[in-house]
Amino acid sequence: LDDRVSYGVAMNRSLSAATNGGPDYFFRWTGADGNGARYQLLDNV
């Protein structure tokens, strides 16, 4: 959404088998306190 640049973006490599999209993440709940919730970011699930 940065209309000042013309780099850093791509489209899908296929209409039916593309795997070059943004990676997915899980956040495992590890606790909460007065400042909010704490999560462990997992990028290899």
ModelCIF file with pLDDT and N, C-alpha, C, O atoms, coordinates in Angstrom:
data_MODEL
#
_entry.id   MODEL 
#
_entity.id                         1 
_entity.type                       polymer 
_entity.pdbx_number_of_molecules   1 
#
_entity_poly.entity_id                      1 
_entity_poly.type                           'polypeptide(L)' 
_entity_poly.nstd_linkage                   no 
_entity_poly.nstd_monomer                   no 
_entity_poly.pdbx_seq_one_letter_code       LDDRVSYGVAMNRSLSAATNGGPDYFFRWTGADGNGARYQLLDNV 
_entity_poly.pdbx_seq_one_letter_code_can   LDDRVSYGVAMNRSLSAATNGGPDYFFRWTGADGNGARYQLLDNV 
_entity_poly.pdbx_strand_id                 A 
#
loop_
_entity_poly_seq.entity_id 
_entity_poly_seq.num 
_entity_poly_seq.mon_id 
_entity_poly_seq.hetero 
1 1  LEU n 
1 2  ASP n 
1 3  ASP n 
1 4  ARG n 
1 5  VAL n 
1 6  SER n 
1 7  TYR n 
1 8  GLY n 
1 9  VAL n 
1 10 ALA n 
1 11 MET n 
1 12 ASN n 
1 13 ARG n 
1 14 SER n 
1 15 LEU n 
1 16 SER n 
1 17 ALA n 
1 18 ALA n 
1 19 THR n 
1 20 ASN n 
1 21 GLY n 
1 22 GLY n 
1 23 PRO n 
1 24 ASP n 
1 25 TYR n 
1 26 PHE n 
1 27 PHE n 
1 28 ARG n 
1 29 TRP n 
1 30 THR n 
1 31 GLY n 
1 32 ALA n 
1 33 ASP n 
1 34 GLY n 
1 35 ASN n 
1 36 GLY n 
1 37 ALA n 
1 38 ARG n 
1 39 TYR n 
1 40 GLN n 
1 41 LEU n 
1 42 LEU n 
1 43 ASP n 
1 44 ASN n 
1 45 VAL n 
#
_struct_asym.id          A 
_struct_asym.entity_id   1 
#
loop_
_ma_qa_metric.id 
_ma_qa_metric.mode 
_ma_qa_metric.name 
_ma_qa_metric.software_group_id 
_ma_qa_metric.type 
1 global pLDDT . pLDDT 
2 local  pLDDT . pLDDT 
#
_ma_qa_metric_global.metric_id      1 
_ma_qa_metric_global.metric_value   94.36 
_ma_qa_metric_global.model_id       1 
_ma_qa_metric_global.ordinal_id     1 
#
loop_
_ma_qa_metric_local.label_asym_id 
_ma_qa_metric_local.label_comp_id 
_ma_qa_metric_local.label_seq_id 
_ma_qa_metric_local.metric_id 
_ma_qa_metric_local.metric_value 
_ma_qa_metric_local.model_id 
_ma_qa_metric_local.ordinal_id 
A LEU 1  2 98.00 1 1  
A ASP 2  2 98.00 1 2  
A ASP 3  2 98.00 1 3  
A ARG 4  2 97.00 1 4  
A VAL 5  2 97.00 1 5  
A SER 6  2 97.00 1 6  
A TYR 7  2 95.00 1 7  
A GLY 8  2 95.00 1 8  
A VAL 9  2 96.00 1 9  
A ALA 10 2 94.00 1 10 
A MET 11 2 96.00 1 11 
A ASN 12 2 95.00 1 12 
A ARG 13 2 94.00 1 13 
A SER 14 2 93.00 1 14 
A LEU 15 2 90.00 1 15 
A SER 16 2 90.00 1 16 
A ALA 17 2 92.00 1 17 
A ALA 18 2 95.00 1 18 
A THR 19 2 95.00 1 19 
A ASN 20 2 96.00 1 20 
A GLY 21 2 97.00 1 21 
A GLY 22 2 97.00 1 22 
A PRO 23 2 97.00 1 23 
A ASP 24 2 98.00 1 24 
A TYR 25 2 98.00 1 25 
A PHE 26 2 98.00 1 26 
A PHE 27 2 98.00 1 27 
A ARG 28 2 98.00 1 28 
A TRP 29 2 98.00 1 29 
A THR 30 2 97.00 1 30 
A GLY 31 2 95.00 1 31 
A ALA 32 2 91.00 1 32 
A ASP 33 2 82.00 1 33 
A GLY 34 2 74.00 1 34 
A ASN 35 2 78.00 1 35 
A GLY 36 2 86.00 1 36 
A ALA 37 2 93.00 1 37 
A ARG 38 2 95.00 1 38 
A TYR 39 2 97.00 1 39 
A GLN 40 2 97.00 1 40 
A LEU 41 2 97.00 1 41 
A LEU 42 2 97.00 1 42 
A ASP 43 2 95.00 1 43 
A ASN 44 2 95.00 1 44 
A VAL 45 2 97.00 1 45 
#
loop_
_atom_site.group_PDB 
_atom_site.id 
_atom_site.type_symbol 
_atom_site.label_atom_id 
_atom_site.label_alt_id 
_atom_site.label_comp_id 
_atom_site.label_asym_id 
_atom_site.label_entity_id 
_atom_site.label_seq_id 
_atom_site.pdbx_PDB_ins_code 
_atom_site.Cartn_x 
_atom_site.Cartn_y 
_atom_site.Cartn_z 
_atom_site.occupancy 
_atom_site.B_iso_or_equiv 
_atom_site.pdbx_formal_charge 
_atom_site.auth_seq_id 
_atom_site.auth_comp_id 
_atom_site.auth_asym_id 
_atom_site.auth_atom_id 
_atom_site.pdbx_PDB_model_num 
ATOM 1   N N  . LEU A 1 1  ? 0.807  -1.223  0.000   1.00 98.00 ? 1  LEU A N  1 
ATOM 2   C CA . LEU A 1 1  ? 0.000  0.000   0.000   1.00 98.00 ? 1  LEU A CA 1 
ATOM 3   C C  . LEU A 1 1  ? 0.843  1.276   0.000   1.00 98.00 ? 1  LEU A C  1 
ATOM 4   O O  . LEU A 1 1  ? 0.333  2.353   0.311   1.00 98.00 ? 1  LEU A O  1 
ATOM 5   N N  . ASP A 1 2  ? 2.103  1.167   -0.340  1.00 98.00 ? 2  ASP A N  1 
ATOM 6   C CA . ASP A 1 2  ? 2.972  2.347   -0.394  1.00 98.00 ? 2  ASP A CA 1 
ATOM 7   C C  . ASP A 1 2  ? 3.063  2.836   -1.836  1.00 98.00 ? 2  ASP A C  1 
ATOM 8   O O  . ASP A 1 2  ? 3.775  2.249   -2.651  1.00 98.00 ? 2  ASP A O  1 
ATOM 9   N N  . ASP A 1 3  ? 2.333  3.921   -2.151  1.00 98.00 ? 3  ASP A N  1 
ATOM 10  C CA . ASP A 1 3  ? 2.281  4.416   -3.527  1.00 98.00 ? 3  ASP A CA 1 
ATOM 11  C C  . ASP A 1 3  ? 3.491  5.267   -3.891  1.00 98.00 ? 3  ASP A C  1 
ATOM 12  O O  . ASP A 1 3  ? 3.526  5.855   -4.972  1.00 98.00 ? 3  ASP A O  1 
ATOM 13  N N  . ARG A 1 4  ? 4.485  5.343   -3.004  1.00 97.00 ? 4  ARG A N  1 
ATOM 14  C CA . ARG A 1 4  ? 5.697  6.117   -3.296  1.00 97.00 ? 4  ARG A CA 1 
ATOM 15  C C  . ARG A 1 4  ? 6.807  5.255   -3.881  1.00 97.00 ? 4  ARG A C  1 
ATOM 16  O O  . ARG A 1 4  ? 7.823  5.780   -4.337  1.00 97.00 ? 4  ARG A O  1 
ATOM 17  N N  . VAL A 1 5  ? 6.623  3.927   -3.874  1.00 97.00 ? 5  VAL A N  1 
ATOM 18  C CA . VAL A 1 5  ? 7.712  3.044   -4.298  1.00 97.00 ? 5  VAL A CA 1 
ATOM 19  C C  . VAL A 1 5  ? 7.235  2.100   -5.392  1.00 97.00 ? 5  VAL A C  1 
ATOM 20  O O  . VAL A 1 5  ? 6.035  1.917   -5.593  1.00 97.00 ? 5  VAL A O  1 
ATOM 21  N N  . SER A 1 6  ? 8.188  1.507   -6.092  1.00 97.00 ? 6  SER A N  1 
ATOM 22  C CA . SER A 1 6  ? 7.875  0.535   -7.147  1.00 97.00 ? 6  SER A CA 1 
ATOM 23  C C  . SER A 1 6  ? 8.803  -0.667  -7.009  1.00 97.00 ? 6  SER A C  1 
ATOM 24  O O  . SER A 1 6  ? 9.475  -1.060  -7.962  1.00 97.00 ? 6  SER A O  1 
ATOM 25  N N  . TYR A 1 7  ? 8.829  -1.240  -5.817  1.00 95.00 ? 7  TYR A N  1 
ATOM 26  C CA . TYR A 1 7  ? 9.647  -2.421  -5.570  1.00 95.00 ? 7  TYR A CA 1 
ATOM 27  C C  . TYR A 1 7  ? 9.025  -3.198  -4.415  1.00 95.00 ? 7  TYR A C  1 
ATOM 28  O O  . TYR A 1 7  ? 8.111  -2.713  -3.749  1.00 95.00 ? 7  TYR A O  1 
ATOM 29  N N  . GLY A 1 8  ? 9.531  -4.410  -4.184  1.00 95.00 ? 8  GLY A N  1 
ATOM 30  C CA . GLY A 1 8  ? 9.185  -5.173  -2.998  1.00 95.00 ? 8  GLY A CA 1 
ATOM 31  C C  . GLY A 1 8  ? 7.871  -5.902  -3.033  1.00 95.00 ? 8  GLY A C  1 
ATOM 32  O O  . GLY A 1 8  ? 7.410  -6.380  -1.996  1.00 95.00 ? 8  GLY A O  1 
ATOM 33  N N  . VAL A 1 9  ? 7.236  -6.007  -4.211  1.00 96.00 ? 9  VAL A N  1 
ATOM 34  C CA . VAL A 1 9  ? 5.960  -6.707  -4.291  1.00 96.00 ? 9  VAL A CA 1 
ATOM 35  C C  . VAL A 1 9  ? 5.982  -7.702  -5.447  1.00 96.00 ? 9  VAL A C  1 
ATOM 36  O O  . VAL A 1 9  ? 6.809  -7.604  -6.353  1.00 96.00 ? 9  VAL A O  1 
ATOM 37  N N  . ALA A 1 10 ? 5.069  -8.649  -5.399  1.00 94.00 ? 10 ALA A N  1 
ATOM 38  C CA . ALA A 1 10 ? 4.960  -9.661  -6.454  1.00 94.00 ? 10 ALA A CA 1 
ATOM 39  C C  . ALA A 1 10 ? 3.523  -10.147 -6.503  1.00 94.00 ? 10 ALA A C  1 
ATOM 40  O O  . ALA A 1 10 ? 2.717  -9.826  -5.629  1.00 94.00 ? 10 ALA A O  1 
ATOM 41  N N  . MET A 1 11 ? 3.211  -10.920 -7.527  1.00 96.00 ? 11 MET A N  1 
ATOM 42  C CA . MET A 1 11 ? 1.919  -11.598 -7.618  1.00 96.00 ? 11 MET A CA 1 
ATOM 43  C C  . MET A 1 11 ? 2.166  -13.095 -7.518  1.00 96.00 ? 11 MET A C  1 
ATOM 44  O O  . MET A 1 11 ? 3.309  -13.542 -7.425  1.00 96.00 ? 11 MET A O  1 
ATOM 45  N N  . ASN A 1 12 ? 1.103  -13.853 -7.538  1.00 95.00 ? 12 ASN A N  1 
ATOM 46  C CA . ASN A 1 12 ? 1.176  -15.293 -7.387  1.00 95.00 ? 12 ASN A CA 1 
ATOM 47  C C  . ASN A 1 12 ? 1.857  -15.952 -8.580  1.00 95.00 ? 12 ASN A C  1 
ATOM 48  O O  . ASN A 1 12 ? 1.661  -15.527 -9.719  1.00 95.00 ? 12 ASN A O  1 
ATOM 49  N N  . ARG A 1 13 ? 2.657  -16.989 -8.327  1.00 94.00 ? 13 ARG A N  1 
ATOM 50  C CA . ARG A 1 13 ? 3.375  -17.685 -9.392  1.00 94.00 ? 13 ARG A CA 1 
ATOM 51  C C  . ARG A 1 13 ? 2.471  -18.626 -10.190 1.00 94.00 ? 13 ARG A C  1 
ATOM 52  O O  . ARG A 1 13 ? 2.874  -19.133 -11.236 1.00 94.00 ? 13 ARG A O  1 
ATOM 53  N N  . SER A 1 14 ? 1.292  -18.851 -9.715  1.00 93.00 ? 14 SER A N  1 
ATOM 54  C CA . SER A 1 14 ? 0.356  -19.749 -10.390 1.00 93.00 ? 14 SER A CA 1 
ATOM 55  C C  . SER A 1 14 ? -1.048 -19.367 -9.954  1.00 93.00 ? 14 SER A C  1 
ATOM 56  O O  . SER A 1 14 ? -1.239 -18.769 -8.895  1.00 93.00 ? 14 SER A O  1 
ATOM 57  N N  . LEU A 1 15 ? -2.031 -19.719 -10.781 1.00 90.00 ? 15 LEU A N  1 
ATOM 58  C CA . LEU A 1 15 ? -3.419 -19.504 -10.383 1.00 90.00 ? 15 LEU A CA 1 
ATOM 59  C C  . LEU A 1 15 ? -3.983 -20.688 -9.605  1.00 90.00 ? 15 LEU A C  1 
ATOM 60  O O  . LEU A 1 15 ? -5.095 -20.609 -9.081  1.00 90.00 ? 15 LEU A O  1 
ATOM 61  N N  . SER A 1 16 ? -3.229 -21.784 -9.524  1.00 90.00 ? 16 SER A N  1 
ATOM 62  C CA . SER A 1 16 ? -3.752 -22.968 -8.855  1.00 90.00 ? 16 SER A CA 1 
ATOM 63  C C  . SER A 1 16 ? -2.751 -23.648 -7.930  1.00 90.00 ? 16 SER A C  1 
ATOM 64  O O  . SER A 1 16 ? -3.135 -24.530 -7.161  1.00 90.00 ? 16 SER A O  1 
ATOM 65  N N  . ALA A 1 17 ? -1.474 -23.261 -7.982  1.00 92.00 ? 17 ALA A N  1 
ATOM 66  C CA . ALA A 1 17 ? -0.476 -23.951 -7.163  1.00 92.00 ? 17 ALA A CA 1 
ATOM 67  C C  . ALA A 1 17 ? 0.595  -22.997 -6.659  1.00 92.00 ? 17 ALA A C  1 
ATOM 68  O O  . ALA A 1 17 ? 1.751  -23.396 -6.520  1.00 92.00 ? 17 ALA A O  1 
ATOM 69  N N  . ALA A 1 18 ? 0.241  -21.751 -6.381  1.00 95.00 ? 18 ALA A N  1 
ATOM 70  C CA . ALA A 1 18 ? 1.224  -20.754 -5.951  1.00 95.00 ? 18 ALA A CA 1 
ATOM 71  C C  . ALA A 1 18 ? 1.604  -20.972 -4.489  1.00 95.00 ? 18 ALA A C  1 
ATOM 72  O O  . ALA A 1 18 ? 0.740  -21.205 -3.643  1.00 95.00 ? 18 ALA A O  1 
ATOM 73  N N  . THR A 1 19 ? 2.901  -20.895 -4.200  1.00 95.00 ? 19 THR A N  1 
ATOM 74  C CA . THR A 1 19 ? 3.400  -21.033 -2.831  1.00 95.00 ? 19 THR A CA 1 
ATOM 75  C C  . THR A 1 19 ? 4.345  -19.890 -2.467  1.00 95.00 ? 19 THR A C  1 
ATOM 76  O O  . THR A 1 19 ? 5.161  -20.021 -1.554  1.00 95.00 ? 19 THR A O  1 
ATOM 77  N N  . ASN A 1 20 ? 4.234  -18.763 -3.185  1.00 96.00 ? 20 ASN A N  1 
ATOM 78  C CA . ASN A 1 20 ? 5.109  -17.618 -2.912  1.00 96.00 ? 20 ASN A CA 1 
ATOM 79  C C  . ASN A 1 20 ? 4.386  -16.492 -2.188  1.00 96.00 ? 20 ASN A C  1 
ATOM 80  O O  . ASN A 1 20 ? 4.793  -15.333 -2.271  1.00 96.00 ? 20 ASN A O  1 
ATOM 81  N N  . GLY A 1 21 ? 3.314  -16.830 -1.479  1.00 97.00 ? 21 GLY A N  1 
ATOM 82  C CA . GLY A 1 21 ? 2.595  -15.824 -0.707  1.00 97.00 ? 21 GLY A CA 1 
ATOM 83  C C  . GLY A 1 21 ? 3.268  -15.531 0.616   1.00 97.00 ? 21 GLY A C  1 
ATOM 84  O O  . GLY A 1 21 ? 4.349  -16.048 0.900   1.00 97.00 ? 21 GLY A O  1 
ATOM 85  N N  . GLY A 1 22 ? 2.627  -14.699 1.428   1.00 97.00 ? 22 GLY A N  1 
ATOM 86  C CA . GLY A 1 22 ? 3.179  -14.370 2.735   1.00 97.00 ? 22 GLY A CA 1 
ATOM 87  C C  . GLY A 1 22 ? 3.131  -15.564 3.668   1.00 97.00 ? 22 GLY A C  1 
ATOM 88  O O  . GLY A 1 22 ? 2.151  -16.308 3.650   1.00 97.00 ? 22 GLY A O  1 
ATOM 89  N N  . PRO A 1 23 ? 4.161  -15.775 4.489   1.00 97.00 ? 23 PRO A N  1 
ATOM 90  C CA . PRO A 1 23 ? 4.169  -16.909 5.421   1.00 97.00 ? 23 PRO A CA 1 
ATOM 91  C C  . PRO A 1 23 ? 3.107  -16.756 6.502   1.00 97.00 ? 23 PRO A C  1 
ATOM 92  O O  . PRO A 1 23 ? 2.686  -15.647 6.830   1.00 97.00 ? 23 PRO A O  1 
ATOM 93  N N  . ASP A 1 24 ? 2.682  -17.898 7.049   1.00 98.00 ? 24 ASP A N  1 
ATOM 94  C CA . ASP A 1 24 ? 1.670  -17.928 8.099   1.00 98.00 ? 24 ASP A CA 1 
ATOM 95  C C  . ASP A 1 24 ? 2.345  -18.111 9.458   1.00 98.00 ? 24 ASP A C  1 
ATOM 96  O O  . ASP A 1 24 ? 3.464  -18.615 9.551   1.00 98.00 ? 24 ASP A O  1 
ATOM 97  N N  . TYR A 1 25 ? 1.638  -17.691 10.509  1.00 98.00 ? 25 TYR A N  1 
ATOM 98  C CA . TYR A 1 25 ? 2.214  -17.739 11.851  1.00 98.00 ? 25 TYR A CA 1 
ATOM 99  C C  . TYR A 1 25 ? 1.182  -18.236 12.854  1.00 98.00 ? 25 TYR A C  1 
ATOM 100 O O  . TYR A 1 25 ? -0.020 -18.029 12.694  1.00 98.00 ? 25 TYR A O  1 
ATOM 101 N N  . PHE A 1 26 ? 1.691  -18.903 13.901  1.00 98.00 ? 26 PHE A N  1 
ATOM 102 C CA . PHE A 1 26 ? 0.888  -19.240 15.071  1.00 98.00 ? 26 PHE A CA 1 
ATOM 103 C C  . PHE A 1 26 ? 1.439  -18.475 16.270  1.00 98.00 ? 26 PHE A C  1 
ATOM 104 O O  . PHE A 1 26 ? 2.637  -18.209 16.367  1.00 98.00 ? 26 PHE A O  1 
ATOM 105 N N  . PHE A 1 27 ? 0.528  -18.129 17.181  1.00 98.00 ? 27 PHE A N  1 
ATOM 106 C CA . PHE A 1 27 ? 0.903  -17.471 18.418  1.00 98.00 ? 27 PHE A CA 1 
ATOM 107 C C  . PHE A 1 27 ? 0.367  -18.317 19.571  1.00 98.00 ? 27 PHE A C  1 
ATOM 108 O O  . PHE A 1 27 ? -0.842 -18.402 19.788  1.00 98.00 ? 27 PHE A O  1 
ATOM 109 N N  . ARG A 1 28 ? 1.279  -18.935 20.296  1.00 98.00 ? 28 ARG A N  1 
ATOM 110 C CA . ARG A 1 28 ? 0.895  -19.786 21.425  1.00 98.00 ? 28 ARG A CA 1 
ATOM 111 C C  . ARG A 1 28 ? 0.820  -18.958 22.693  1.00 98.00 ? 28 ARG A C  1 
ATOM 112 O O  . ARG A 1 28 ? 1.780  -18.286 23.072  1.00 98.00 ? 28 ARG A O  1 
ATOM 113 N N  . TRP A 1 29 ? -0.344 -19.016 23.350  1.00 98.00 ? 29 TRP A N  1 
ATOM 114 C CA . TRP A 1 29 ? -0.566 -18.248 24.577  1.00 98.00 ? 29 TRP A CA 1 
ATOM 115 C C  . TRP A 1 29 ? 0.377  -18.734 25.664  1.00 98.00 ? 29 TRP A C  1 
ATOM 116 O O  . TRP A 1 29 ? 0.455  -19.933 25.933  1.00 98.00 ? 29 TRP A O  1 
ATOM 117 N N  . THR A 1 30 ? 1.100  -17.800 26.295  1.00 97.00 ? 30 THR A N  1 
ATOM 118 C CA . THR A 1 30 ? 2.037  -18.175 27.361  1.00 97.00 ? 30 THR A CA 1 
ATOM 119 C C  . THR A 1 30 ? 1.725  -17.507 28.682  1.00 97.00 ? 30 THR A C  1 
ATOM 120 O O  . THR A 1 30 ? 2.341  -17.841 29.694  1.00 97.00 ? 30 THR A O  1 
ATOM 121 N N  . GLY A 1 31 ? 0.789  -16.574 28.706  1.00 95.00 ? 31 GLY A N  1 
ATOM 122 C CA . GLY A 1 31 ? 0.451  -15.953 29.968  1.00 95.00 ? 31 GLY A CA 1 
ATOM 123 C C  . GLY A 1 31 ? -0.209 -14.604 29.787  1.00 95.00 ? 31 GLY A C  1 
ATOM 124 O O  . GLY A 1 31 ? -0.331 -14.105 28.668  1.00 95.00 ? 31 GLY A O  1 
ATOM 125 N N  . ALA A 1 32 ? -0.633 -14.020 30.889  1.00 91.00 ? 32 ALA A N  1 
ATOM 126 C CA . ALA A 1 32 ? -1.259 -12.697 30.876  1.00 91.00 ? 32 ALA A CA 1 
ATOM 127 C C  . ALA A 1 32 ? -1.001 -12.033 32.207  1.00 91.00 ? 32 ALA A C  1 
ATOM 128 O O  . ALA A 1 32 ? -0.868 -12.697 33.235  1.00 91.00 ? 32 ALA A O  1 
ATOM 129 N N  . ASP A 1 33 ? -0.933 -10.718 32.178  1.00 82.00 ? 33 ASP A N  1 
ATOM 130 C CA . ASP A 1 33 ? -0.777 -9.939  33.401  1.00 82.00 ? 33 ASP A CA 1 
ATOM 131 C C  . ASP A 1 33 ? -1.460 -8.596  33.194  1.00 82.00 ? 33 ASP A C  1 
ATOM 132 O O  . ASP A 1 33 ? -2.234 -8.433  32.251  1.00 82.00 ? 33 ASP A O  1 
ATOM 133 N N  . GLY A 1 34 ? -1.183 -7.639  34.064  1.00 74.00 ? 34 GLY A N  1 
ATOM 134 C CA . GLY A 1 34 ? -1.820 -6.340  33.965  1.00 74.00 ? 34 GLY A CA 1 
ATOM 135 C C  . GLY A 1 34 ? -1.501 -5.600  32.692  1.00 74.00 ? 34 GLY A C  1 
ATOM 136 O O  . GLY A 1 34 ? -2.215 -4.669  32.320  1.00 74.00 ? 34 GLY A O  1 
ATOM 137 N N  . ASN A 1 35 ? -0.419 -6.004  32.003  1.00 78.00 ? 35 ASN A N  1 
ATOM 138 C CA . ASN A 1 35 ? -0.028 -5.335  30.760  1.00 78.00 ? 35 ASN A CA 1 
ATOM 139 C C  . ASN A 1 35 ? -0.614 -5.997  29.522  1.00 78.00 ? 35 ASN A C  1 
ATOM 140 O O  . ASN A 1 35 ? -0.436 -5.497  28.412  1.00 78.00 ? 35 ASN A O  1 
ATOM 141 N N  . GLY A 1 36 ? -1.313 -7.117  29.699  1.00 86.00 ? 36 GLY A N  1 
ATOM 142 C CA . GLY A 1 36 ? -1.920 -7.767  28.546  1.00 86.00 ? 36 GLY A CA 1 
ATOM 143 C C  . GLY A 1 36 ? -1.549 -9.225  28.440  1.00 86.00 ? 36 GLY A C  1 
ATOM 144 O O  . GLY A 1 36 ? -1.111 -9.843  29.410  1.00 86.00 ? 36 GLY A O  1 
ATOM 145 N N  . ALA A 1 37 ? -1.732 -9.779  27.231  1.00 93.00 ? 37 ALA A N  1 
ATOM 146 C CA . ALA A 1 37 ? -1.461 -11.186 26.982  1.00 93.00 ? 37 ALA A CA 1 
ATOM 147 C C  . ALA A 1 37 ? -0.065 -11.356 26.394  1.00 93.00 ? 37 ALA A C  1 
ATOM 148 O O  . ALA A 1 37 ? 0.451  -10.467 25.716  1.00 93.00 ? 37 ALA A O  1 
ATOM 149 N N  . ARG A 1 38 ? 0.537  -12.512 26.663  1.00 95.00 ? 38 ARG A N  1 
ATOM 150 C CA . ARG A 1 38 ? 1.853  -12.839 26.115  1.00 95.00 ? 38 ARG A CA 1 
ATOM 151 C C  . ARG A 1 38 ? 1.732  -14.067 25.228  1.00 95.00 ? 38 ARG A C  1 
ATOM 152 O O  . ARG A 1 38 ? 1.082  -15.050 25.586  1.00 95.00 ? 38 ARG A O  1 
ATOM 153 N N  . TYR A 1 39 ? 2.365  -13.995 24.071  1.00 97.00 ? 39 TYR A N  1 
ATOM 154 C CA . TYR A 1 39 ? 2.317  -15.088 23.108  1.00 97.00 ? 39 TYR A CA 1 
ATOM 155 C C  . TYR A 1 39 ? 3.718  -15.405 22.603  1.00 97.00 ? 39 TYR A C  1 
ATOM 156 O O  . TYR A 1 39 ? 4.573  -14.526 22.500  1.00 97.00 ? 39 TYR A O  1 
ATOM 157 N N  . GLN A 1 40 ? 3.935  -16.677 22.291  1.00 97.00 ? 40 GLN A N  1 
ATOM 158 C CA . GLN A 1 40 ? 5.157  -17.110 21.623  1.00 97.00 ? 40 GLN A CA 1 
ATOM 159 C C  . GLN A 1 40 ? 4.876  -17.214 20.132  1.00 97.00 ? 40 GLN A C  1 
ATOM 160 O O  . GLN A 1 40 ? 3.996  -17.967 19.713  1.00 97.00 ? 40 GLN A O  1 
ATOM 161 N N  . LEU A 1 41 ? 5.624  -16.457 19.327  1.00 97.00 ? 41 LEU A N  1 
ATOM 162 C CA . LEU A 1 41 ? 5.452  -16.501 17.878  1.00 97.00 ? 41 LEU A CA 1 
ATOM 163 C C  . LEU A 1 41 ? 6.114  -17.755 17.327  1.00 97.00 ? 41 LEU A C  1 
ATOM 164 O O  . LEU A 1 41 ? 7.280  -18.023 17.616  1.00 97.00 ? 41 LEU A O  1 
ATOM 165 N N  . LEU A 1 42 ? 5.372  -18.524 16.534  1.00 97.00 ? 42 LEU A N  1 
ATOM 166 C CA . LEU A 1 42 ? 5.876  -19.747 15.916  1.00 97.00 ? 42 LEU A CA 1 
ATOM 167 C C  . LEU A 1 42 ? 5.789  -19.595 14.400  1.00 97.00 ? 42 LEU A C  1 
ATOM 168 O O  . LEU A 1 42 ? 4.703  -19.378 13.861  1.00 97.00 ? 42 LEU A O  1 
ATOM 169 N N  . ASP A 1 43 ? 6.924  -19.707 13.709  1.00 95.00 ? 43 ASP A N  1 
ATOM 170 C CA . ASP A 1 43 ? 6.936  -19.518 12.261  1.00 95.00 ? 43 ASP A CA 1 
ATOM 171 C C  . ASP A 1 43 ? 7.287  -20.779 11.491  1.00 95.00 ? 43 ASP A C  1 
ATOM 172 O O  . ASP A 1 43 ? 7.526  -20.726 10.285  1.00 95.00 ? 43 ASP A O  1 
ATOM 173 N N  . ASN A 1 44 ? 7.321  -21.927 12.189  1.00 95.00 ? 44 ASN A N  1 
ATOM 174 C CA . ASN A 1 44 ? 7.725  -23.164 11.521  1.00 95.00 ? 44 ASN A CA 1 
ATOM 175 C C  . ASN A 1 44 ? 6.751  -24.310 11.754  1.00 95.00 ? 44 ASN A C  1 
ATOM 176 O O  . ASN A 1 44 ? 7.124  -25.477 11.647  1.00 95.00 ? 44 ASN A O  1 
ATOM 177 N N  . VAL A 1 45 ? 5.503  -23.980 12.072  1.00 97.00 ? 45 VAL A N  1 
ATOM 178 C CA . VAL A 1 45 ? 4.520  -25.026 12.346  1.00 97.00 ? 45 VAL A CA 1 
ATOM 179 C C  . VAL A 1 45 ? 4.098  -25.734 11.065  1.00 97.00 ? 45 VAL A C  1 
ATOM 180 O O  . VAL A 1 45 ? 3.273  -26.647 11.106  1.00 97.00 ? 45 VAL A O  1 
#
